[in-house]
Amino acid sequence: MDRRGNVFEVRAVGRVHSSRAEIVDDDWGEVEATISLLPPFEPESLAGLTEFSHLEVLYLFHEVDSASVCNGARHPRGRPDWPLVGIFAQRAKDRPNRLGLTTAELIGVEGTSIRLRGLDALDGTPVLDIKPYMEEFGPRTAVREPRWARELMADYF
């Protein structure tokens, strides 16, 4: 709700179609998926999208049970050899609002369908938003991350 009392509704703009139907943590790099837009979106909603090489996709981890959501700290992937870190210091699916965000390679657009490579979302996943990736919105300084995060991502894509 905004300061004027307007209520905002978040709804799916599309659905993912993928060969991956079960939650798996790694090997997403070569997975191809299609996002099919839902009504009222028409092909014109995607006009100009093919000028971009990558898209940012915001989606809902719809298969995550709300009882497994973490609000505090945990060891990433349950590995005690990695440090105990807060849920906002990791990209786990068991997040408070169960939102996922991935930058994926755009393969093509046909009608109201978008083909992508490297989208780590399951078949049937509701897509909440799609944005073109622009380098200018990426980091403007050197990226820093802990060793455990690099280890975790070694086989992810």
C-alpha atoms as a PDB file:
ATOM      1  CA  MET A   1       0.000   0.000   0.000  1.00  0.00           C
ATOM      2  CA  ASP A   2       1.363   3.440  -0.828  1.00  0.00           C
ATOM      3  CA  ARG A   3       1.066   6.585   1.271  1.00  0.00           C
ATOM      4  CA  ARG A   4      -2.212   7.457  -0.470  1.00  0.00           C
ATOM      5  CA  GLY A   5      -3.752   4.120   0.453  1.00  0.00           C
ATOM      6  CA  ASN A   6      -3.494   2.575  -3.019  1.00  0.00           C
ATOM      7  CA  VAL A   7      -3.146  -1.184  -2.866  1.00  0.00           C
ATOM      8  CA  PHE A   8      -0.615  -2.805  -5.201  1.00  0.00           C
ATOM      9  CA  GLU A   9      -1.199  -6.244  -6.633  1.00  0.00           C
ATOM     10  CA  VAL A  10       1.651  -8.495  -7.699  1.00  0.00           C
ATOM     11  CA  ARG A  11       0.644 -11.137 -10.201  1.00  0.00           C
ATOM     12  CA  ALA A  12       2.434 -13.482 -12.542  1.00  0.00           C
ATOM     13  CA  VAL A  13       3.224 -12.108 -15.989  1.00  0.00           C
ATOM     14  CA  GLY A  14       4.190 -15.542 -17.301  1.00  0.00           C
ATOM     15  CA  ARG A  15       5.091 -19.144 -16.549  1.00  0.00           C
ATOM     16  CA  VAL A  16       8.299 -21.104 -17.027  1.00  0.00           C
ATOM     17  CA  HIS A  17       8.355 -24.232 -19.177  1.00  0.00           C
ATOM     18  CA  SER A  18      11.481 -26.263 -18.487  1.00  0.00           C
ATOM     19  CA  SER A  19      12.750 -29.825 -18.476  1.00  0.00           C
ATOM     20  CA  ARG A  20      13.674 -29.275 -14.809  1.00  0.00           C
ATOM     21  CA  ALA A  21      10.680 -30.147 -12.651  1.00  0.00           C
ATOM     22  CA  GLU A  22      12.466 -30.953  -9.379  1.00  0.00           C
ATOM     23  CA  ILE A  23      14.540 -28.722  -7.118  1.00  0.00           C
ATOM     24  CA  VAL A  24      18.210 -29.320  -7.925  1.00  0.00           C
ATOM     25  CA  ASP A  25      20.984 -26.990  -6.791  1.00  0.00           C
ATOM     26  CA  ASP A  26      23.491 -27.297  -9.652  1.00  0.00           C
ATOM     27  CA  ASP A  27      24.064 -27.636 -13.394  1.00  0.00           C
ATOM     28  CA  TRP A  28      21.718 -24.905 -14.661  1.00  0.00           C
ATOM     29  CA  GLY A  29      24.089 -23.420 -17.243  1.00  0.00           C
ATOM     30  CA  GLU A  30      22.924 -25.394 -20.278  1.00  0.00           C
ATOM     31  CA  VAL A  31      19.274 -25.740 -19.237  1.00  0.00           C
ATOM     32  CA  GLU A  32      16.969 -24.119 -21.770  1.00  0.00           C
ATOM     33  CA  ALA A  33      13.593 -22.844 -20.694  1.00  0.00           C
ATOM     34  CA  THR A  34      10.717 -20.882 -22.165  1.00  0.00           C
ATOM     35  CA  ILE A  35       8.701 -18.195 -20.474  1.00  0.00           C
ATOM     36  CA  SER A  36       5.165 -17.965 -21.856  1.00  0.00           C
ATOM     37  CA  LEU A  37       3.491 -14.651 -21.142  1.00  0.00           C
ATOM     38  CA  LEU A  38       0.004 -14.730 -19.678  1.00  0.00           C
ATOM     39  CA  PRO A  39      -2.920 -12.513 -20.764  1.00  0.00           C
ATOM     40  CA  PRO A  40      -3.270  -9.577 -21.080  1.00  0.00           C
ATOM     41  CA  PHE A  41       0.270  -9.530 -22.524  1.00  0.00           C
ATOM     42  CA  GLU A  42       0.592  -9.615 -26.307  1.00  0.00           C
ATOM     43  CA  PRO A  43       3.636 -10.000 -28.592  1.00  0.00           C
ATOM     44  CA  GLU A  44       4.030  -6.202 -28.569  1.00  0.00           C
ATOM     45  CA  SER A  45       5.024  -6.502 -24.881  1.00  0.00           C
ATOM     46  CA  LEU A  46       8.261  -8.093 -26.098  1.00  0.00           C
ATOM     47  CA  ALA A  47       9.013  -5.658 -28.933  1.00  0.00           C
ATOM     48  CA  GLY A  48      12.717  -4.757 -28.955  1.00  0.00           C
ATOM     49  CA  LEU A  49      13.682  -7.467 -26.458  1.00  0.00           C
ATOM     50  CA  THR A  50      15.818  -9.365 -28.978  1.00  0.00           C
ATOM     51  CA  GLU A  51      18.233  -6.428 -29.051  1.00  0.00           C
ATOM     52  CA  PHE A  52      19.490  -7.630 -25.646  1.00  0.00           C
ATOM     53  CA  SER A  53      21.680 -10.670 -24.963  1.00  0.00           C
ATOM     54  CA  HIS A  54      20.500 -11.308 -21.391  1.00  0.00           C
ATOM     55  CA  LEU A  55      17.389 -10.834 -19.290  1.00  0.00           C
ATOM     56  CA  GLU A  56      16.826 -10.516 -15.577  1.00  0.00           C
ATOM     57  CA  VAL A  57      13.925 -12.708 -14.498  1.00  0.00           C
ATOM     58  CA  LEU A  58      12.154 -12.248 -11.164  1.00  0.00           C
ATOM     59  CA  TYR A  59      10.129 -15.273 -10.141  1.00  0.00           C
ATOM     60  CA  LEU A  60       8.464 -17.043  -7.242  1.00  0.00           C
ATOM     61  CA  PHE A  61       9.984 -20.153  -5.659  1.00  0.00           C
ATOM     62  CA  HIS A  62       6.494 -21.667  -5.746  1.00  0.00           C
ATOM     63  CA  GLU A  63       7.570 -25.182  -4.708  1.00  0.00           C
ATOM     64  CA  VAL A  64       9.187 -24.023  -1.446  1.00  0.00           C
ATOM     65  CA  ASP A  65       7.056 -24.901   1.569  1.00  0.00           C
ATOM     66  CA  SER A  66       6.407 -21.808   3.699  1.00  0.00           C
ATOM     67  CA  ALA A  67       7.318 -23.907   6.771  1.00  0.00           C
ATOM     68  CA  SER A  68      10.907 -24.184   5.491  1.00  0.00           C
ATOM     69  CA  VAL A  69      11.400 -20.431   5.103  1.00  0.00           C
ATOM     70  CA  CYS A  70      14.435 -19.125   6.989  1.00  0.00           C
ATOM     71  CA  ASN A  71      14.262 -15.713   8.665  1.00  0.00           C
ATOM     72  CA  GLY A  72      17.585 -15.895  10.489  1.00  0.00           C
ATOM     73  CA  ALA A  73      20.937 -17.485   9.776  1.00  0.00           C
ATOM     74  CA  ARG A  74      21.934 -20.891   8.464  1.00  0.00           C
ATOM     75  CA  HIS A  75      24.821 -22.743   6.875  1.00  0.00           C
ATOM     76  CA  PRO A  76      24.467 -22.484   3.066  1.00  0.00           C
ATOM     77  CA  ARG A  77      23.187 -25.802   1.700  1.00  0.00           C
ATOM     78  CA  GLY A  78      23.317 -27.118   5.265  1.00  0.00           C
ATOM     79  CA  ARG A  79      27.102 -27.481   5.088  1.00  0.00           C
ATOM     80  CA  PRO A  80      28.691 -26.955   8.520  1.00  0.00           C
ATOM     81  CA  ASP A  81      32.084 -26.366   6.845  1.00  0.00           C
ATOM     82  CA  TRP A  82      30.645 -23.117   5.456  1.00  0.00           C
ATOM     83  CA  PRO A  83      29.919 -20.253   7.863  1.00  0.00           C
ATOM     84  CA  LEU A  84      26.604 -19.554   9.501  1.00  0.00           C
ATOM     85  CA  VAL A  85      25.262 -16.569   7.538  1.00  0.00           C
ATOM     86  CA  GLY A  86      22.007 -14.639   7.504  1.00  0.00           C
ATOM     87  CA  ILE A  87      19.374 -15.388   4.889  1.00  0.00           C
ATOM     88  CA  PHE A  88      20.018 -11.978   3.278  1.00  0.00           C
ATOM     89  CA  ALA A  89      23.720 -12.877   2.850  1.00  0.00           C
ATOM     90  CA  GLN A  90      22.834 -15.796   0.564  1.00  0.00           C
ATOM     91  CA  ARG A  91      20.616 -16.541  -2.409  1.00  0.00           C
ATOM     92  CA  ALA A  92      18.757 -19.523  -0.923  1.00  0.00           C
ATOM     93  CA  LYS A  93      15.312 -20.502  -2.169  1.00  0.00           C
ATOM     94  CA  ASP A  94      13.931 -20.671   1.412  1.00  0.00           C
ATOM     95  CA  ARG A  95      13.826 -16.850   1.610  1.00  0.00           C
ATOM     96  CA  PRO A  96      11.200 -14.842   3.494  1.00  0.00           C
ATOM     97  CA  ASN A  97       9.252 -13.903   0.337  1.00  0.00           C
ATOM     98  CA  ARG A  98      10.495 -16.862  -1.757  1.00  0.00           C
ATOM     99  CA  LEU A  99      11.605 -14.589  -4.624  1.00  0.00           C
ATOM    100  CA  GLY A 100      14.211 -15.697  -7.140  1.00  0.00           C
ATOM    101  CA  LEU A 101      16.231 -13.490  -9.462  1.00  0.00           C
ATOM    102  CA  THR A 102      18.409 -14.758 -12.293  1.00  0.00           C
ATOM    103  CA  THR A 103      20.221 -13.207 -15.220  1.00  0.00           C
ATOM    104  CA  ALA A 104      19.762 -15.606 -18.142  1.00  0.00           C
ATOM    105  CA  GLU A 105      20.906 -15.629 -21.765  1.00  0.00           C
ATOM    106  CA  LEU A 106      18.210 -14.725 -24.286  1.00  0.00           C
ATOM    107  CA  ILE A 107      18.018 -17.295 -27.089  1.00  0.00           C
ATOM    108  CA  GLY A 108      14.977 -15.947 -28.902  1.00  0.00           C
ATOM    109  CA  VAL A 109      11.462 -14.556 -28.881  1.00  0.00           C
ATOM    110  CA  GLU A 110       8.478 -15.927 -30.742  1.00  0.00           C
ATOM    111  CA  GLY A 111       5.041 -14.422 -30.221  1.00  0.00           C
ATOM    112  CA  THR A 112       4.572 -14.269 -26.454  1.00  0.00           C
ATOM    113  CA  SER A 113       7.279 -16.840 -25.700  1.00  0.00           C
ATOM    114  CA  ILE A 114      10.836 -16.093 -24.578  1.00  0.00           C
ATOM    115  CA  ARG A 115      13.519 -18.788 -24.870  1.00  0.00           C
ATOM    116  CA  LEU A 116      16.380 -18.588 -22.359  1.00  0.00           C
ATOM    117  CA  ARG A 117      19.483 -20.492 -21.320  1.00  0.00           C
ATOM    118  CA  GLY A 118      20.581 -20.677 -17.679  1.00  0.00           C
ATOM    119  CA  LEU A 119      17.275 -19.765 -16.018  1.00  0.00           C
ATOM    120  CA  ASP A 120      17.300 -21.641 -12.702  1.00  0.00           C
ATOM    121  CA  ALA A 121      13.536 -21.925 -12.355  1.00  0.00           C
ATOM    122  CA  LEU A 122      11.424 -25.067 -12.350  1.00  0.00           C
ATOM    123  CA  ASP A 123       8.740 -26.009 -14.829  1.00  0.00           C
ATOM    124  CA  GLY A 124       5.542 -24.137 -13.910  1.00  0.00           C
ATOM    125  CA  THR A 125       7.335 -21.367 -12.007  1.00  0.00           C
ATOM    126  CA  PRO A 126       5.357 -18.094 -11.936  1.00  0.00           C
ATOM    127  CA  VAL A 127       7.358 -15.235 -13.447  1.00  0.00           C
ATOM    128  CA  LEU A 128       6.733 -11.878 -11.749  1.00  0.00           C
ATOM    129  CA  ASP A 129       8.809  -9.592 -13.977  1.00  0.00           C
ATOM    130  CA  ILE A 130      11.258  -9.599 -16.873  1.00  0.00           C
ATOM    131  CA  LYS A 131      13.828  -6.883 -17.513  1.00  0.00           C
ATOM    132  CA  PRO A 132      16.597  -6.534 -20.071  1.00  0.00           C
ATOM    133  CA  TYR A 133      20.048  -6.762 -18.538  1.00  0.00           C
ATOM    134  CA  MET A 134      22.031  -3.576 -19.061  1.00  0.00           C
ATOM    135  CA  GLU A 135      25.685  -3.375 -18.035  1.00  0.00           C
ATOM    136  CA  GLU A 136      25.089   0.097 -16.645  1.00  0.00           C
ATOM    137  CA  PHE A 137      22.849  -1.419 -13.958  1.00  0.00           C
ATOM    138  CA  GLY A 138      25.525  -3.962 -13.063  1.00  0.00           C
ATOM    139  CA  PRO A 139      28.222  -3.309 -10.470  1.00  0.00           C
ATOM    140  CA  ARG A 140      30.258  -0.176 -11.086  1.00  0.00           C
ATOM    141  CA  THR A 141      33.071  -1.247  -8.775  1.00  0.00           C
ATOM    142  CA  ALA A 142      34.911  -4.522  -8.197  1.00  0.00           C
ATOM    143  CA  VAL A 143      32.743  -7.369  -6.928  1.00  0.00           C
ATOM    144  CA  ARG A 144      33.727  -8.930  -3.585  1.00  0.00           C
ATOM    145  CA  GLU A 145      32.352 -12.201  -2.236  1.00  0.00           C
ATOM    146  CA  PRO A 146      33.439 -14.778   0.339  1.00  0.00           C
ATOM    147  CA  ARG A 147      35.261 -18.004  -0.561  1.00  0.00           C
ATOM    148  CA  TRP A 148      32.278 -20.186   0.444  1.00  0.00           C
ATOM    149  CA  ALA A 149      30.077 -18.385  -2.102  1.00  0.00           C
ATOM    150  CA  ARG A 150      32.550 -19.060  -4.914  1.00  0.00           C
ATOM    151  CA  GLU A 151      32.719 -22.711  -3.837  1.00  0.00           C
ATOM    152  CA  LEU A 152      28.932 -22.951  -3.765  1.00  0.00           C
ATOM    153  CA  MET A 153      28.632 -21.510  -7.280  1.00  0.00           C
ATOM    154  CA  ALA A 154      31.448 -23.600  -8.815  1.00  0.00           C
ATOM    155  CA  ASP A 155      29.023 -26.079 -10.430  1.00  0.00           C
ATOM    156  CA  TYR A 156      25.835 -24.028 -10.390  1.00  0.00           C
ATOM    157  CA  PHE A 157      25.943 -22.850 -14.006  1.00  0.00           C
END
